[in-house]
Amino acid sequence: MLRKFKPGDWVKIRGKLNSPKMQVIKYVNKKEGVLGLIDSETYVECVWYKGGERKAVVFHQNKLIKTIDTGGLFKTFKTNSKLSLT
């Protein structure tokens, strides 16, 4: 299976409107079911912050969608500053 994301991409959980915006950290190895095969191409570790606390969870890549806007701890706010010489 092809990898959909790379480390640093911003993602959300598919189908949930109030899911947090998370950052992909890395692909992780996960043992699959009864056969015991190790899958290293489809599970990603994601991190987000809530109330100043870091949370990290492993998701299957098909449960996530990439977001266009980026996030982070530091946000810059764009203001419309108009100079007036009066």
PDB file of N, CA and C in Angstrom:
ATOM      1  N   MET A   1       0.844  -1.178   0.000  1.00  0.00           N
ATOM      2  CA  MET A   1       0.000   0.000   0.000  1.00  0.00           C
ATOM      3  C   MET A   1       0.892   1.245   0.000  1.00  0.00           C
ATOM      4  N   LEU A   2       0.470   2.254  -0.715  1.00  0.00           N
ATOM      5  CA  LEU A   2       1.229   3.497  -0.793  1.00  0.00           C
ATOM      6  C   LEU A   2       1.032   4.337   0.464  1.00  0.00           C
ATOM      7  N   ARG A   3       2.080   5.040   0.835  1.00  0.00           N
ATOM      8  CA  ARG A   3       1.983   5.976   1.954  1.00  0.00           C
ATOM      9  C   ARG A   3       1.320   7.254   1.470  1.00  0.00           C
ATOM     10  N   LYS A   4       0.314   7.724   2.194  1.00  0.00           N
ATOM     11  CA  LYS A   4      -0.433   8.920   1.799  1.00  0.00           C
ATOM     12  C   LYS A   4       0.144  10.199   2.388  1.00  0.00           C
ATOM     13  N   PHE A   5       0.840  10.099   3.514  1.00  0.00           N
ATOM     14  CA  PHE A   5       1.313  11.276   4.226  1.00  0.00           C
ATOM     15  C   PHE A   5       2.811  11.191   4.446  1.00  0.00           C
ATOM     16  N   LYS A   6       3.374  12.342   4.744  1.00  0.00           N
ATOM     17  CA  LYS A   6       4.783  12.387   5.138  1.00  0.00           C
ATOM     18  C   LYS A   6       4.861  13.109   6.480  1.00  0.00           C
ATOM     19  N   PRO A   7       5.938  12.893   7.216  1.00  0.00           N
ATOM     20  CA  PRO A   7       6.053  13.567   8.513  1.00  0.00           C
ATOM     21  C   PRO A   7       5.938  15.093   8.364  1.00  0.00           C
ATOM     22  N   GLY A   8       5.137  15.691   9.230  1.00  0.00           N
ATOM     23  CA  GLY A   8       4.919  17.132   9.185  1.00  0.00           C
ATOM     24  C   GLY A   8       3.602  17.528   8.548  1.00  0.00           C
ATOM     25  N   ASP A   9       2.920  16.605   7.867  1.00  0.00           N
ATOM     26  CA  ASP A   9       1.618  16.915   7.271  1.00  0.00           C
ATOM     27  C   ASP A   9       0.576  17.118   8.362  1.00  0.00           C
ATOM     28  N   TRP A  10      -0.392  17.998   8.096  1.00  0.00           N
ATOM     29  CA  TRP A  10      -1.483  18.257   9.027  1.00  0.00           C
ATOM     30  C   TRP A  10      -2.704  17.488   8.557  1.00  0.00           C
ATOM     31  N   VAL A  11      -3.336  16.738   9.456  1.00  0.00           N
ATOM     32  CA  VAL A  11      -4.446  15.861   9.107  1.00  0.00           C
ATOM     33  C   VAL A  11      -5.588  16.004  10.115  1.00  0.00           C
ATOM     34  N   LYS A  12      -6.764  15.514   9.714  1.00  0.00           N
ATOM     35  CA  LYS A  12      -7.931  15.406  10.587  1.00  0.00           C
ATOM     36  C   LYS A  12      -8.541  14.037  10.373  1.00  0.00           C
ATOM     37  N   ILE A  13      -9.361  13.596  11.325  1.00  0.00           N
ATOM     38  CA  ILE A  13     -10.041  12.315  11.201  1.00  0.00           C
ATOM     39  C   ILE A  13     -11.177  12.467  10.195  1.00  0.00           C
ATOM     40  N   ARG A  14     -11.232  11.550   9.247  1.00  0.00           N
ATOM     41  CA  ARG A  14     -12.242  11.586   8.185  1.00  0.00           C
ATOM     42  C   ARG A  14     -13.637  11.386   8.782  1.00  0.00           C
ATOM     43  N   GLY A  15     -14.572  12.264   8.400  1.00  0.00           N
ATOM     44  CA  GLY A  15     -15.970  12.112   8.797  1.00  0.00           C
ATOM     45  C   GLY A  15     -16.350  12.719  10.136  1.00  0.00           C
ATOM     46  N   LYS A  16     -15.412  13.256  10.886  1.00  0.00           N
ATOM     47  CA  LYS A  16     -15.731  13.874  12.177  1.00  0.00           C
ATOM     48  C   LYS A  16     -15.517  15.379  12.076  1.00  0.00           C
ATOM     49  N   LEU A  17     -16.561  16.134  12.362  1.00  0.00           N
ATOM     50  CA  LEU A  17     -16.481  17.585  12.236  1.00  0.00           C
ATOM     51  C   LEU A  17     -15.661  18.232  13.345  1.00  0.00           C
ATOM     52  N   ASN A  18     -15.693  17.663  14.538  1.00  0.00           N
ATOM     53  CA  ASN A  18     -15.016  18.293  15.673  1.00  0.00           C
ATOM     54  C   ASN A  18     -13.703  17.601  16.030  1.00  0.00           C
ATOM     55  N   SER A  19     -13.092  16.899  15.084  1.00  0.00           N
ATOM     56  CA  SER A  19     -11.819  16.233  15.378  1.00  0.00           C
ATOM     57  C   SER A  19     -10.689  17.259  15.438  1.00  0.00           C
ATOM     58  N   PRO A  20      -9.694  17.008  16.263  1.00  0.00           N
ATOM     59  CA  PRO A  20      -8.588  17.971  16.375  1.00  0.00           C
ATOM     60  C   PRO A  20      -7.701  17.932  15.132  1.00  0.00           C
ATOM     61  N   LYS A  21      -7.041  19.035  14.876  1.00  0.00           N
ATOM     62  CA  LYS A  21      -6.059  19.098  13.799  1.00  0.00           C
ATOM     63  C   LYS A  21      -4.766  18.509  14.352  1.00  0.00           C
ATOM     64  N   MET A  22      -4.240  17.481  13.667  1.00  0.00           N
ATOM     65  CA  MET A  22      -3.089  16.751  14.182  1.00  0.00           C
ATOM     66  C   MET A  22      -1.947  16.810  13.183  1.00  0.00           C
ATOM     67  N   GLN A  23      -0.745  16.607  13.683  1.00  0.00           N
ATOM     68  CA  GLN A  23       0.435  16.574  12.832  1.00  0.00           C
ATOM     69  C   GLN A  23       0.968  15.147  12.785  1.00  0.00           C
ATOM     70  N   VAL A  24       1.285  14.688  11.568  1.00  0.00           N
ATOM     71  CA  VAL A  24       1.839  13.354  11.387  1.00  0.00           C
ATOM     72  C   VAL A  24       3.286  13.364  11.852  1.00  0.00           C
ATOM     73  N   ILE A  25       3.639  12.409  12.718  1.00  0.00           N
ATOM     74  CA  ILE A  25       5.001  12.293  13.223  1.00  0.00           C
ATOM     75  C   ILE A  25       5.795  11.293  12.394  1.00  0.00           C
ATOM     76  N   LYS A  26       5.277  10.062  12.276  1.00  0.00           N
ATOM     77  CA  LYS A  26       5.999   9.024  11.534  1.00  0.00           C
ATOM     78  C   LYS A  26       5.082   7.844  11.275  1.00  0.00           C
ATOM     79  N   TYR A  27       5.503   6.981  10.360  1.00  0.00           N
ATOM     80  CA  TYR A  27       4.842   5.699  10.158  1.00  0.00           C
ATOM     81  C   TYR A  27       5.395   4.722  11.178  1.00  0.00           C
ATOM     82  N   VAL A  28       4.531   3.879  11.734  1.00  0.00           N
ATOM     83  CA  VAL A  28       4.942   2.938  12.776  1.00  0.00           C
ATOM     84  C   VAL A  28       4.646   1.509  12.339  1.00  0.00           C
ATOM     85  N   ASN A  29       5.381   0.576  12.921  1.00  0.00           N
ATOM     86  CA  ASN A  29       5.146  -0.843  12.677  1.00  0.00           C
ATOM     87  C   ASN A  29       3.996  -1.309  13.555  1.00  0.00           C
ATOM     88  N   LYS A  30       3.081  -2.074  12.973  1.00  0.00           N
ATOM     89  CA  LYS A  30       1.965  -2.603  13.740  1.00  0.00           C
ATOM     90  C   LYS A  30       1.731  -4.043  13.315  1.00  0.00           C
ATOM     91  N   LYS A  31       1.542  -4.910  14.292  1.00  0.00           N
ATOM     92  CA  LYS A  31       1.331  -6.326  14.025  1.00  0.00           C
ATOM     93  C   LYS A  31      -0.118  -6.551  13.609  1.00  0.00           C
ATOM     94  N   GLU A  32      -0.316  -7.227  12.486  1.00  0.00           N
ATOM     95  CA  GLU A  32      -1.647  -7.474  11.954  1.00  0.00           C
ATOM     96  C   GLU A  32      -2.191  -8.814  12.433  1.00  0.00           C
ATOM     97  N   GLY A  33      -3.399  -8.821  12.901  1.00  0.00           N
ATOM     98  CA  GLY A  33      -4.241  -9.950  13.237  1.00  0.00           C
ATOM     99  C   GLY A  33      -3.631 -11.306  13.512  1.00  0.00           C
ATOM    100  N   VAL A  34      -4.265 -12.327  12.996  1.00  0.00           N
ATOM    101  CA  VAL A  34      -3.963 -13.716  13.309  1.00  0.00           C
ATOM    102  C   VAL A  34      -2.635 -14.166  12.704  1.00  0.00           C
ATOM    103  N   LEU A  35      -2.319 -13.735  11.508  1.00  0.00           N
ATOM    104  CA  LEU A  35      -1.109 -14.193  10.839  1.00  0.00           C
ATOM    105  C   LEU A  35       0.163 -13.636  11.460  1.00  0.00           C
ATOM    106  N   GLY A  36       0.068 -12.515  12.128  1.00  0.00           N
ATOM    107  CA  GLY A  36       1.226 -11.936  12.799  1.00  0.00           C
ATOM    108  C   GLY A  36       2.151 -11.177  11.870  1.00  0.00           C
ATOM    109  N   LEU A  37       1.644 -10.746  10.724  1.00  0.00           N
ATOM    110  CA  LEU A  37       2.461  -9.959   9.795  1.00  0.00           C
ATOM    111  C   LEU A  37       2.667  -8.557  10.350  1.00  0.00           C
ATOM    112  N   ILE A  38       3.828  -8.007  10.112  1.00  0.00           N
ATOM    113  CA  ILE A  38       4.122  -6.643  10.566  1.00  0.00           C
ATOM    114  C   ILE A  38       3.898  -5.682   9.406  1.00  0.00           C
ATOM    115  N   ASP A  39       3.034  -4.700   9.639  1.00  0.00           N
ATOM    116  CA  ASP A  39       2.687  -3.714   8.622  1.00  0.00           C
ATOM    117  C   ASP A  39       3.364  -2.397   8.981  1.00  0.00           C
ATOM    118  N   SER A  40       4.223  -1.907   8.097  1.00  0.00           N
ATOM    119  CA  SER A  40       4.929  -0.656   8.371  1.00  0.00           C
ATOM    120  C   SER A  40       4.585   0.445   7.367  1.00  0.00           C
ATOM    121  N   GLU A  41       3.552   0.231   6.565  1.00  0.00           N
ATOM    122  CA  GLU A  41       3.224   1.184   5.506  1.00  0.00           C
ATOM    123  C   GLU A  41       1.880   1.883   5.680  1.00  0.00           C
ATOM    124  N   THR A  42       1.059   1.485   6.640  1.00  0.00           N
ATOM    125  CA  THR A  42      -0.291   2.042   6.692  1.00  0.00           C
ATOM    126  C   THR A  42      -0.678   2.704   8.006  1.00  0.00           C
ATOM    127  N   TYR A  43       0.094   2.582   9.052  1.00  0.00           N
ATOM    128  CA  TYR A  43      -0.265   3.188  10.337  1.00  0.00           C
ATOM    129  C   TYR A  43       0.653   4.364  10.646  1.00  0.00           C
ATOM    130  N   VAL A  44       0.030   5.510  10.990  1.00  0.00           N
ATOM    131  CA  VAL A  44       0.792   6.723  11.282  1.00  0.00           C
ATOM    132  C   VAL A  44       0.560   7.156  12.721  1.00  0.00           C
ATOM    133  N   GLU A  45       1.609   7.713  13.314  1.00  0.00           N
ATOM    134  CA  GLU A  45       1.495   8.294  14.652  1.00  0.00           C
ATOM    135  C   GLU A  45       1.254   9.785  14.491  1.00  0.00           C
ATOM    136  N   CYS A  46       0.201  10.268  15.128  1.00  0.00           N
ATOM    137  CA  CYS A  46      -0.167  11.680  15.038  1.00  0.00           C
ATOM    138  C   CYS A  46      -0.119  12.304  16.426  1.00  0.00           C
ATOM    139  N   VAL A  47       0.151  13.598  16.465  1.00  0.00           N
ATOM    140  CA  VAL A  47       0.228  14.315  17.730  1.00  0.00           C
ATOM    141  C   VAL A  47      -0.598  15.596  17.630  1.00  0.00           C
ATOM    142  N   TRP A  48      -1.232  15.968  18.754  1.00  0.00           N
ATOM    143  CA  TRP A  48      -1.931  17.244  18.868  1.00  0.00           C
ATOM    144  C   TRP A  48      -1.875  17.687  20.312  1.00  0.00           C
ATOM    145  N   TYR A  49      -2.222  18.918  20.547  1.00  0.00           N
ATOM    146  CA  TYR A  49      -2.154  19.497  21.891  1.00  0.00           C
ATOM    147  C   TYR A  49      -3.543  19.936  22.328  1.00  0.00           C
ATOM    148  N   LYS A  50      -3.894  19.586  23.555  1.00  0.00           N
ATOM    149  CA  LYS A  50      -5.186  19.992  24.105  1.00  0.00           C
ATOM    150  C   LYS A  50      -4.950  20.447  25.537  1.00  0.00           C
ATOM    151  N   GLY A  51      -5.248  21.687  25.800  1.00  0.00           N
ATOM    152  CA  GLY A  51      -5.070  22.234  27.146  1.00  0.00           C
ATOM    153  C   GLY A  51      -3.618  22.229  27.597  1.00  0.00           C
ATOM    154  N   GLY A  52      -2.693  22.397  26.664  1.00  0.00           N
ATOM    155  CA  GLY A  52      -1.280  22.404  26.995  1.00  0.00           C
ATOM    156  C   GLY A  52      -0.682  21.021  27.174  1.00  0.00           C
ATOM    157  N   GLU A  53      -1.478  19.973  26.963  1.00  0.00           N
ATOM    158  CA  GLU A  53      -1.005  18.604  27.122  1.00  0.00           C
ATOM    159  C   GLU A  53      -0.847  17.955  25.748  1.00  0.00           C
ATOM    160  N   ARG A  54       0.276  17.263  25.568  1.00  0.00           N
ATOM    161  CA  ARG A  54       0.571  16.596  24.291  1.00  0.00           C
ATOM    162  C   ARG A  54      -0.111  15.237  24.260  1.00  0.00           C
ATOM    163  N   LYS A  55      -0.841  14.980  23.161  1.00  0.00           N
ATOM    164  CA  LYS A  55      -1.512  13.696  22.986  1.00  0.00           C
ATOM    165  C   LYS A  55      -1.021  13.076  21.689  1.00  0.00           C
ATOM    166  N   ALA A  56      -0.732  11.773  21.720  1.00  0.00           N
ATOM    167  CA  ALA A  56      -0.266  11.059  20.533  1.00  0.00           C
ATOM    168  C   ALA A  56      -1.041   9.761  20.399  1.00  0.00           C
ATOM    169  N   VAL A  57      -1.496   9.465  19.172  1.00  0.00           N
ATOM    170  CA  VAL A  57      -2.278   8.270  18.890  1.00  0.00           C
ATOM    171  C   VAL A  57      -1.860   7.727  17.529  1.00  0.00           C
ATOM    172  N   VAL A  58      -1.979   6.411  17.350  1.00  0.00           N
ATOM    173  CA  VAL A  58      -1.687   5.766  16.071  1.00  0.00           C
ATOM    174  C   VAL A  58      -3.004   5.532  15.340  1.00  0.00           C
ATOM    175  N   PHE A  59      -3.070   5.957  14.061  1.00  0.00           N
ATOM    176  CA  PHE A  59      -4.255   5.801  13.221  1.00  0.00           C
ATOM    177  C   PHE A  59      -3.889   5.067  11.943  1.00  0.00           C
ATOM    178  N   HIS A  60      -4.878   4.376  11.359  1.00  0.00           N
ATOM    179  CA  HIS A  60      -4.710   3.842  10.008  1.00  0.00           C
ATOM    180  C   HIS A  60      -4.807   5.026   9.056  1.00  0.00           C
ATOM    181  N   GLN A  61      -3.967   5.057   8.032  1.00  0.00           N
ATOM    182  CA  GLN A  61      -3.915   6.232   7.158  1.00  0.00           C
ATOM    183  C   GLN A  61      -5.213   6.463   6.390  1.00  0.00           C
ATOM    184  N   ASN A  62      -6.036   5.438   6.188  1.00  0.00           N
ATOM    185  CA  ASN A  62      -7.302   5.623   5.479  1.00  0.00           C
ATOM    186  C   ASN A  62      -8.353   6.317   6.330  1.00  0.00           C
ATOM    187  N   LYS A  63      -8.139   6.447   7.628  1.00  0.00           N
ATOM    188  CA  LYS A  63      -9.076   7.149   8.509  1.00  0.00           C
ATOM    189  C   LYS A  63      -8.789   8.640   8.582  1.00  0.00           C
ATOM    190  N   LEU A  64      -7.731   9.107   7.900  1.00  0.00           N
ATOM    191  CA  LEU A  64      -7.313  10.499   7.995  1.00  0.00           C
ATOM    192  C   LEU A  64      -7.431  11.201   6.655  1.00  0.00           C
ATOM    193  N   ILE A  65      -7.633  12.504   6.704  1.00  0.00           N
ATOM    194  CA  ILE A  65      -7.581  13.336   5.498  1.00  0.00           C
ATOM    195  C   ILE A  65      -6.626  14.491   5.765  1.00  0.00           C
ATOM    196  N   LYS A  66      -5.956  14.926   4.709  1.00  0.00           N
ATOM    197  CA  LYS A  66      -5.002  16.020   4.825  1.00  0.00           C
ATOM    198  C   LYS A  66      -5.752  17.348   4.844  1.00  0.00           C
ATOM    199  N   THR A  67      -5.333  18.253   5.728  1.00  0.00           N
ATOM    200  CA  THR A  67      -5.942  19.578   5.782  1.00  0.00           C
ATOM    201  C   THR A  67      -5.070  20.561   5.014  1.00  0.00           C
ATOM    202  N   ILE A  68      -5.709  21.552   4.460  1.00  0.00           N
ATOM    203  CA  ILE A  68      -4.986  22.546   3.679  1.00  0.00           C
ATOM    204  C   ILE A  68      -4.288  23.548   4.585  1.00  0.00           C
ATOM    205  N   ASP A  69      -5.008  24.015   5.605  1.00  0.00           N
ATOM    206  CA  ASP A  69      -4.399  24.990   6.515  1.00  0.00           C
ATOM    207  C   ASP A  69      -3.502  24.275   7.515  1.00  0.00           C
ATOM    208  N   THR A  70      -2.396  24.913   7.834  1.00  0.00           N
ATOM    209  CA  THR A  70      -1.455  24.325   8.788  1.00  0.00           C
ATOM    210  C   THR A  70      -1.792  24.808  10.180  1.00  0.00           C
ATOM    211  N   GLY A  71      -1.228  24.184  11.161  1.00  0.00           N
ATOM    212  CA  GLY A  71      -1.467  24.571  12.545  1.00  0.00           C
ATOM    213  C   GLY A  71      -0.156  24.702  13.265  1.00  0.00           C
ATOM    214  N   GLY A  72      -0.219  24.652  14.546  1.00  0.00           N
ATOM    215  CA  GLY A  72       0.994  24.721  15.334  1.00  0.00           C
ATOM    216  C   GLY A  72       0.763  25.466  16.621  1.00  0.00           C
ATOM    217  N   LEU A  73       1.801  25.534  17.401  1.00  0.00           N
ATOM    218  CA  LEU A  73       1.695  26.232  18.672  1.00  0.00           C
ATOM    219  C   LEU A  73       1.702  27.740  18.489  1.00  0.00           C
ATOM    220  N   PHE A  74       2.438  28.210  17.506  1.00  0.00           N
ATOM    221  CA  PHE A  74       2.565  29.640  17.296  1.00  0.00           C
ATOM    222  C   PHE A  74       1.761  30.044  16.076  1.00  0.00           C
ATOM    223  N   LYS A  75       0.821  30.943  16.272  1.00  0.00           N
ATOM    224  CA  LYS A  75       0.000  31.408  15.173  1.00  0.00           C
ATOM    225  C   LYS A  75       0.275  32.886  14.957  1.00  0.00           C
ATOM    226  N   THR A  76       0.327  33.273  13.719  1.00  0.00           N
ATOM    227  CA  THR A  76       0.495  34.680  13.397  1.00  0.00           C
ATOM    228  C   THR A  76      -0.844  35.208  12.919  1.00  0.00           C
ATOM    229  N   PHE A  77      -1.193  36.371  13.372  1.00  0.00           N
ATOM    230  CA  PHE A  77      -2.456  36.977  13.003  1.00  0.00           C
ATOM    231  C   PHE A  77      -2.193  38.118  12.037  1.00  0.00           C
ATOM    232  N   LYS A  78      -2.891  38.077  10.940  1.00  0.00           N
ATOM    233  CA  LYS A  78      -2.748  39.107   9.938  1.00  0.00           C
ATOM    234  C   LYS A  78      -3.768  40.202  10.227  1.00  0.00           C
ATOM    235  N   THR A  79      -3.295  41.413  10.373  1.00  0.00           N
ATOM    236  CA  THR A  79      -4.201  42.522  10.632  1.00  0.00           C
ATOM    237  C   THR A  79      -4.157  43.487   9.469  1.00  0.00           C
ATOM    238  N   ASN A  80      -5.263  44.123   9.230  1.00  0.00           N
ATOM    239  CA  ASN A  80      -5.331  45.149   8.207  1.00  0.00           C
ATOM    240  C   ASN A  80      -4.936  46.483   8.841  1.00  0.00           C
ATOM    241  N   SER A  81      -3.683  46.795   8.726  1.00  0.00           N
ATOM    242  CA  SER A  81      -3.234  48.050   9.306  1.00  0.00           C
ATOM    243  C   SER A  81      -3.153  49.089   8.180  1.00  0.00           C
ATOM    244  N   LYS A  82      -4.020  50.079   8.277  1.00  0.00           N
ATOM    245  CA  LYS A  82      -4.037  51.158   7.307  1.00  0.00           C
ATOM    246  C   LYS A  82      -3.422  52.394   7.928  1.00  0.00           C
ATOM    247  N   LEU A  83      -2.499  52.930   7.239  1.00  0.00           N
ATOM    248  CA  LEU A  83      -1.864  54.154   7.737  1.00  0.00           C
ATOM    249  C   LEU A  83      -2.669  55.357   7.309  1.00  0.00           C
ATOM    250  N   SER A  84      -2.921  56.217   8.227  1.00  0.00           N
ATOM    251  CA  SER A  84      -3.591  57.455   7.881  1.00  0.00           C
ATOM    252  C   SER A  84      -2.740  58.609   8.407  1.00  0.00           C
ATOM    253  N   LEU A  85      -2.575  59.572   7.573  1.00  0.00           N
ATOM    254  CA  LEU A  85      -1.737  60.723   7.916  1.00  0.00           C
ATOM    255  C   LEU A  85      -2.596  61.934   8.236  1.00  0.00           C
ATOM    256  N   THR A  86      -3.529  61.783   9.133  1.00  0.00           N
ATOM    257  CA  THR A  86      -4.388  62.925   9.487  1.00  0.00           C
ATOM    258  C   THR A  86      -4.188  63.330  10.916  1.00  0.00           C
TER     259      THR A  86
END
